[in-house]
Amino acid sequence: MATNISEQPAKASGTYRIGGDVTVNRLGYGAMQITGPGVWGDPKDPAEAVRVLRRAVELGVTFIDTADSYGPFVSELLIREALHPYADDLVIATKAGLSRSGPGDWRALGRPEYLRQQCELSLRHLGLDSIPLYQLHRIDPQVPLADQLGELALLRQEGKIQHIGLSEVSVAQIEESRKITTIASVQNLYNLANRSAEDVLEYCERNDLAFIPWFPIATGELARPGGPLDAISTAHGASPAQLALAWLLRRSPVMLPIPGTSSVAHLEENVGAADVRLTDDEFEALAKAS
């Protein structure tokens, strides 16, 4: 029996084809928060982390974003425990390029041999033969960009990854990267309250690159009592977080929000945002308010 949208609300977010051939439901799940404090070590409740991942797929999420540095590797291993063997339509994206030496410590590391090592480990930890979307987590300023992306291009030629993405980059860096190899996605900080990456989003729109906003549900002062989100929340019977996600989904067809959580209840709330439809006036009011 076919599953309808009400049972899998993530389907209501519509679809996007990463790299032109990897189709995902646009509202995904970011798997950073299923690790320990400081994105380090195991979560306090590993069983709940497994439940969150399985529930995400039940709700129609077909795009899960993680990274080798989340844990490190804790997030990838939990994804495999919860979801392997993977459904045919489930797309798992991961990243390399940030090394870890403790809780809250992140350092760019883009040496080609390191990126290759991390890709091989991610393949093993996730239980994949090929990673659908492999992202350079940060550009390492100490290593020529051509060396970093060149190694990812070699991994793609070898069939170990399908598409290459970037994270926290400027328009100029995207353009430089595209001269080296084909880029399918960009993941930058972007949300209703912080749109400093607007120029990057607009570039992605013009060039049909997936734009994956991390920290997508930040609302800041917009959610204060009597504020713009508060009034619209009442009108829709939706939470400020849901409205923030609904705004992102409406903002651009290349937008793939990946709200993360370690709670099934919060997950269900977040995915419910796909059913929220803002009016033109509401969309513009929120855009102007921020």
Protein backbone atom coordinates (compact mmCIF):
# COMPACT_ATOMS: atom_id res chain seq x y z
CA MET A 1 0.00 0.00 0.00
CA ALA A 2 1.38 3.42 -0.92
CA THR A 3 2.25 5.80 1.92
CA ASN A 4 0.59 9.19 1.68
CA ILE A 5 2.05 12.57 2.52
CA SER A 6 0.19 12.83 5.84
CA GLU A 7 2.05 9.72 7.02
CA GLN A 8 5.36 10.96 5.59
CA PRO A 9 5.19 14.75 5.93
CA ALA A 10 8.73 15.32 4.62
CA LYS A 11 7.37 14.52 1.17
CA ALA A 12 5.36 17.75 1.29
CA SER A 13 8.64 19.69 1.09
CA GLY A 14 9.05 18.71 -2.56
CA THR A 15 12.11 17.18 -4.19
CA TYR A 16 15.47 18.30 -5.53
CA ARG A 17 18.00 16.44 -7.66
CA ILE A 18 21.52 16.85 -6.27
CA GLY A 19 23.97 16.95 -9.14
CA GLY A 20 21.06 16.42 -11.50
CA ASP A 21 20.59 12.74 -10.67
CA VAL A 22 20.34 12.14 -6.89
CA THR A 23 16.73 12.87 -5.87
CA VAL A 24 15.91 13.77 -2.25
CA ASN A 25 12.97 15.19 -0.37
CA ARG A 26 14.04 18.78 0.34
CA LEU A 27 13.51 18.71 4.12
CA GLY A 28 16.29 16.51 5.45
CA TYR A 29 17.97 15.68 8.74
CA GLY A 30 21.33 16.82 10.10
CA ALA A 31 22.99 14.19 12.27
CA MET A 32 25.45 16.30 14.29
CA GLN A 33 23.39 16.36 17.49
CA ILE A 34 23.23 12.59 17.98
CA THR A 35 26.74 12.67 19.46
CA GLY A 36 27.99 13.63 22.93
CA PRO A 37 28.52 17.14 24.37
CA GLY A 38 30.76 19.30 22.23
CA VAL A 39 29.99 16.94 19.30
CA TRP A 40 32.43 14.55 20.97
CA GLY A 41 31.96 10.91 21.91
CA ASP A 42 28.83 8.87 22.31
CA PRO A 43 25.41 10.38 23.07
CA LYS A 44 23.95 10.04 26.54
CA ASP A 45 21.15 7.89 25.10
CA PRO A 46 22.35 5.92 22.05
CA ALA A 47 19.03 4.07 21.83
CA GLU A 48 17.18 7.39 21.45
CA ALA A 49 19.62 8.41 18.71
CA VAL A 50 18.76 5.23 16.84
CA ARG A 51 15.05 5.91 17.32
CA VAL A 52 15.46 9.45 15.96
CA LEU A 53 17.18 8.21 12.82
CA ARG A 54 14.61 5.50 12.17
CA ARG A 55 11.74 7.89 12.84
CA ALA A 56 13.20 10.42 10.40
CA VAL A 57 13.03 7.86 7.61
CA GLU A 58 9.51 6.84 8.66
CA LEU A 59 8.49 10.50 8.32
CA GLY A 60 9.71 10.62 4.73
CA VAL A 61 13.21 12.05 5.19
CA THR A 62 15.40 10.79 2.36
CA PHE A 63 18.42 13.07 2.91
CA ILE A 64 20.65 12.65 5.97
CA ASP A 65 23.71 14.86 6.38
CA THR A 66 26.61 13.90 8.65
CA ALA A 67 30.40 14.20 8.85
CA ASP A 68 33.40 12.12 9.86
CA SER A 69 34.16 14.73 12.54
CA TYR A 70 30.86 14.28 14.38
CA GLY A 71 32.04 12.20 17.29
CA PRO A 72 34.41 11.61 15.46
CA PHE A 73 32.63 8.90 13.43
CA VAL A 74 29.99 8.38 16.15
CA SER A 75 27.26 9.86 13.96
CA GLU A 76 28.20 7.73 10.95
CA LEU A 77 28.29 4.55 13.03
CA LEU A 78 24.89 5.28 14.56
CA ILE A 79 23.44 5.89 11.09
CA ARG A 80 24.67 2.49 10.00
CA GLU A 81 23.36 0.80 13.16
CA ALA A 82 19.95 2.40 12.76
CA LEU A 83 19.37 2.26 9.03
CA HIS A 84 21.62 -0.28 7.29
CA PRO A 85 20.78 -1.87 4.89
CA TYR A 86 19.58 1.44 3.52
CA ALA A 87 16.35 2.06 1.67
CA ASP A 88 16.86 2.60 -2.06
CA ASP A 89 15.76 6.24 -1.84
CA LEU A 90 17.85 7.17 1.22
CA VAL A 91 20.75 9.51 0.45
CA ILE A 92 23.51 9.91 3.03
CA ALA A 93 25.90 12.82 2.65
CA THR A 94 29.05 13.12 4.71
CA LYS A 95 32.08 15.39 4.94
CA ALA A 96 35.81 15.48 5.61
CA GLY A 97 38.26 18.29 6.19
CA LEU A 98 37.93 19.10 9.90
CA SER A 99 40.11 17.25 12.40
CA ARG A 100 39.19 16.86 16.07
CA SER A 101 41.33 16.80 19.19
CA GLY A 102 38.60 17.20 21.81
CA PRO A 103 35.10 18.54 22.57
CA GLY A 104 34.34 21.72 20.66
CA ASP A 105 37.71 21.72 18.90
CA TRP A 106 37.65 21.88 15.09
CA ARG A 107 40.68 22.39 12.82
CA ALA A 108 40.78 22.50 9.04
CA LEU A 109 42.87 19.69 7.58
CA GLY A 110 42.78 19.25 3.82
CA ARG A 111 45.90 17.32 2.92
CA PRO A 112 45.01 14.96 0.06
CA GLU A 113 46.17 11.82 1.88
CA TYR A 114 44.04 12.77 4.90
CA LEU A 115 40.92 13.37 2.80
CA ARG A 116 41.40 10.00 1.11
CA GLN A 117 41.89 8.26 4.44
CA GLN A 118 38.74 9.84 5.85
CA CYS A 119 36.71 8.89 2.78
CA GLU A 120 37.81 5.27 3.10
CA LEU A 121 36.88 5.29 6.78
CA SER A 122 33.49 6.87 6.10
CA LEU A 123 32.73 4.22 3.48
CA ARG A 124 33.54 1.55 6.05
CA HIS A 125 31.70 3.17 8.93
CA LEU A 126 28.56 3.91 6.91
CA GLY A 127 28.61 0.56 5.12
CA LEU A 128 28.51 2.17 1.67
CA ASP A 129 30.24 1.28 -1.59
CA SER A 130 29.89 4.87 -2.78
CA ILE A 131 29.02 8.09 -0.95
CA PRO A 132 26.29 10.02 -2.84
CA LEU A 133 27.51 13.46 -1.71
CA TYR A 134 30.97 14.01 -0.20
CA GLN A 135 31.64 17.52 1.07
CA LEU A 136 34.86 19.36 1.85
CA HIS A 137 33.95 20.44 5.39
CA ARG A 138 36.30 23.43 5.28
CA ILE A 139 38.85 24.68 2.80
CA ASP A 140 42.28 24.31 4.42
CA PRO A 141 44.18 27.57 3.80
CA GLN A 142 47.49 25.73 4.24
CA VAL A 143 46.86 23.40 1.28
CA PRO A 144 46.31 24.42 -2.36
CA LEU A 145 42.62 24.18 -3.19
CA ALA A 146 43.48 22.28 -6.37
CA ASP A 147 45.12 19.57 -4.25
CA GLN A 148 42.12 19.25 -1.92
CA LEU A 149 39.48 19.12 -4.64
CA GLY A 150 41.74 17.20 -6.96
CA GLU A 151 41.82 14.33 -4.48
CA LEU A 152 38.03 14.37 -4.20
CA ALA A 153 37.82 14.33 -7.99
CA LEU A 154 40.05 11.24 -8.02
CA LEU A 155 37.81 9.55 -5.46
CA ARG A 156 34.85 10.32 -7.71
CA GLN A 157 36.61 8.86 -10.73
CA GLU A 158 37.24 5.72 -8.68
CA GLY A 159 33.53 5.49 -7.88
CA LYS A 160 33.98 6.00 -4.14
CA ILE A 161 31.91 9.19 -4.18
CA GLN A 162 29.26 10.40 -6.62
CA HIS A 163 29.15 14.17 -6.11
CA ILE A 164 31.37 16.80 -4.47
CA GLY A 165 30.12 19.55 -2.17
CA LEU A 166 31.63 22.53 -0.36
CA SER A 167 30.98 24.01 3.08
CA GLU A 168 31.35 27.54 4.46
CA VAL A 169 32.59 29.14 1.26
CA SER A 170 32.28 32.46 -0.54
CA VAL A 171 31.05 32.99 -4.09
CA ALA A 172 34.65 33.52 -5.19
CA GLN A 173 35.68 30.20 -3.64
CA ILE A 174 32.82 28.38 -5.35
CA GLU A 175 33.84 29.84 -8.70
CA GLU A 176 37.48 28.86 -8.11
CA SER A 177 36.38 25.36 -7.10
CA ARG A 178 34.23 24.91 -10.22
CA LYS A 179 37.28 25.61 -12.37
CA ILE A 180 38.92 22.59 -10.73
CA THR A 181 36.03 20.10 -10.68
CA THR A 182 32.25 19.83 -10.82
CA ILE A 183 30.53 21.01 -7.64
CA ALA A 184 27.01 19.82 -6.73
CA SER A 185 26.25 21.53 -3.42
CA VAL A 186 27.17 24.24 -0.94
CA GLN A 187 26.54 24.07 2.81
CA ASN A 188 26.72 27.42 4.63
CA LEU A 189 25.29 28.93 7.78
CA TYR A 190 21.91 30.41 6.83
CA ASN A 191 18.61 30.89 8.59
CA LEU A 192 15.78 33.36 8.92
CA ALA A 193 17.70 35.43 11.47
CA ASN A 194 21.11 35.24 9.78
CA ARG A 195 21.19 35.64 6.02
CA SER A 196 24.80 36.71 5.62
CA ALA A 197 25.19 34.00 2.96
CA GLU A 198 22.46 35.48 0.77
CA ASP A 199 24.89 36.08 -2.09
CA VAL A 200 26.00 32.44 -1.94
CA LEU A 201 22.38 31.24 -2.01
CA GLU A 202 21.64 33.45 -5.01
CA TYR A 203 24.71 32.07 -6.80
CA CYS A 204 23.52 28.51 -6.10
CA GLU A 205 20.08 29.37 -7.46
CA ARG A 206 21.55 30.77 -10.70
CA ASN A 207 23.75 27.71 -11.18
CA ASP A 208 21.37 24.99 -9.89
CA LEU A 209 23.60 23.95 -6.99
CA ALA A 210 21.99 22.51 -3.87
CA PHE A 211 22.16 24.96 -0.97
CA ILE A 212 22.20 23.19 2.41
CA PRO A 213 21.69 25.68 5.26
CA TRP A 214 23.15 24.52 8.54
CA PHE A 215 21.71 25.82 11.83
CA PRO A 216 18.47 26.38 9.86
CA ILE A 217 15.99 26.98 12.66
CA ALA A 218 17.62 29.87 14.51
CA THR A 219 15.00 32.55 15.03
CA GLY A 220 16.62 35.01 17.45
CA GLU A 221 14.54 38.02 18.42
CA LEU A 222 11.96 37.21 15.74
CA ALA A 223 10.35 34.67 18.08
CA ARG A 224 9.94 37.07 21.01
CA PRO A 225 6.39 37.49 22.41
CA GLY A 226 4.55 39.89 20.16
CA GLY A 227 7.19 39.55 17.45
CA PRO A 228 6.53 38.62 13.81
CA LEU A 229 7.00 34.89 14.31
CA ASP A 230 4.76 34.91 17.37
CA ALA A 231 1.80 36.36 15.48
CA ILE A 232 2.16 34.06 12.47
CA SER A 233 2.67 31.06 14.77
CA THR A 234 -0.72 31.73 16.32
CA ALA A 235 -2.35 32.03 12.91
CA HIS A 236 -0.95 28.70 11.69
CA GLY A 237 -0.91 26.77 14.95
CA ALA A 238 2.76 26.17 14.22
CA SER A 239 5.90 26.68 16.30
CA PRO A 240 8.45 29.40 15.48
CA ALA A 241 10.91 26.67 14.47
CA GLN A 242 8.38 25.25 12.01
CA LEU A 243 7.79 28.69 10.52
CA ALA A 244 11.54 29.26 10.17
CA LEU A 245 11.86 26.00 8.24
CA ALA A 246 8.76 26.73 6.15
CA TRP A 247 10.28 30.10 5.24
CA LEU A 248 13.51 28.43 4.10
CA LEU A 249 11.64 25.89 1.98
CA ARG A 250 9.71 28.66 0.29
CA ARG A 251 12.76 30.92 -0.10
CA SER A 252 14.40 28.84 -2.83
CA PRO A 253 13.82 25.61 -4.77
CA VAL A 254 17.50 24.68 -4.28
CA MET A 255 17.21 24.95 -0.47
CA LEU A 256 17.69 21.69 1.46
CA PRO A 257 17.25 22.44 5.19
CA ILE A 258 18.74 19.84 7.55
CA PRO A 259 17.41 20.56 11.06
CA GLY A 260 19.08 18.33 13.63
CA THR A 261 17.89 17.05 16.99
CA SER A 262 18.49 14.22 19.43
CA SER A 263 14.79 14.01 20.35
CA VAL A 264 12.03 12.15 18.51
CA ALA A 265 9.50 14.76 19.63
CA HIS A 266 11.56 17.65 18.23
CA LEU A 267 12.18 15.68 15.05
CA GLU A 268 8.46 15.21 14.49
CA GLU A 269 7.90 18.93 15.07
CA ASN A 270 10.64 19.89 12.63
CA VAL A 271 9.45 17.58 9.86
CA GLY A 272 5.92 18.91 10.36
CA ALA A 273 7.20 22.21 8.95
CA ALA A 274 6.91 20.73 5.46
CA ASP A 275 3.12 21.01 5.78
CA VAL A 276 3.17 24.71 6.72
CA ARG A 277 2.26 27.03 3.84
CA LEU A 278 3.08 30.70 4.32
CA THR A 279 1.06 33.30 2.44
CA ASP A 280 2.88 35.82 0.26
CA ASP A 281 2.35 38.50 2.90
CA GLU A 282 3.62 36.26 5.71
CA PHE A 283 6.72 35.29 3.74
CA GLU A 284 7.53 38.92 2.97
CA ALA A 285 6.83 40.03 6.54
CA LEU A 286 9.29 37.50 7.92
CA ALA A 287 11.89 38.39 5.28
CA LYS A 288 11.66 42.08 6.12
CA ALA A 289 11.58 41.54 9.88
CA SER A 290 14.94 39.80 9.84
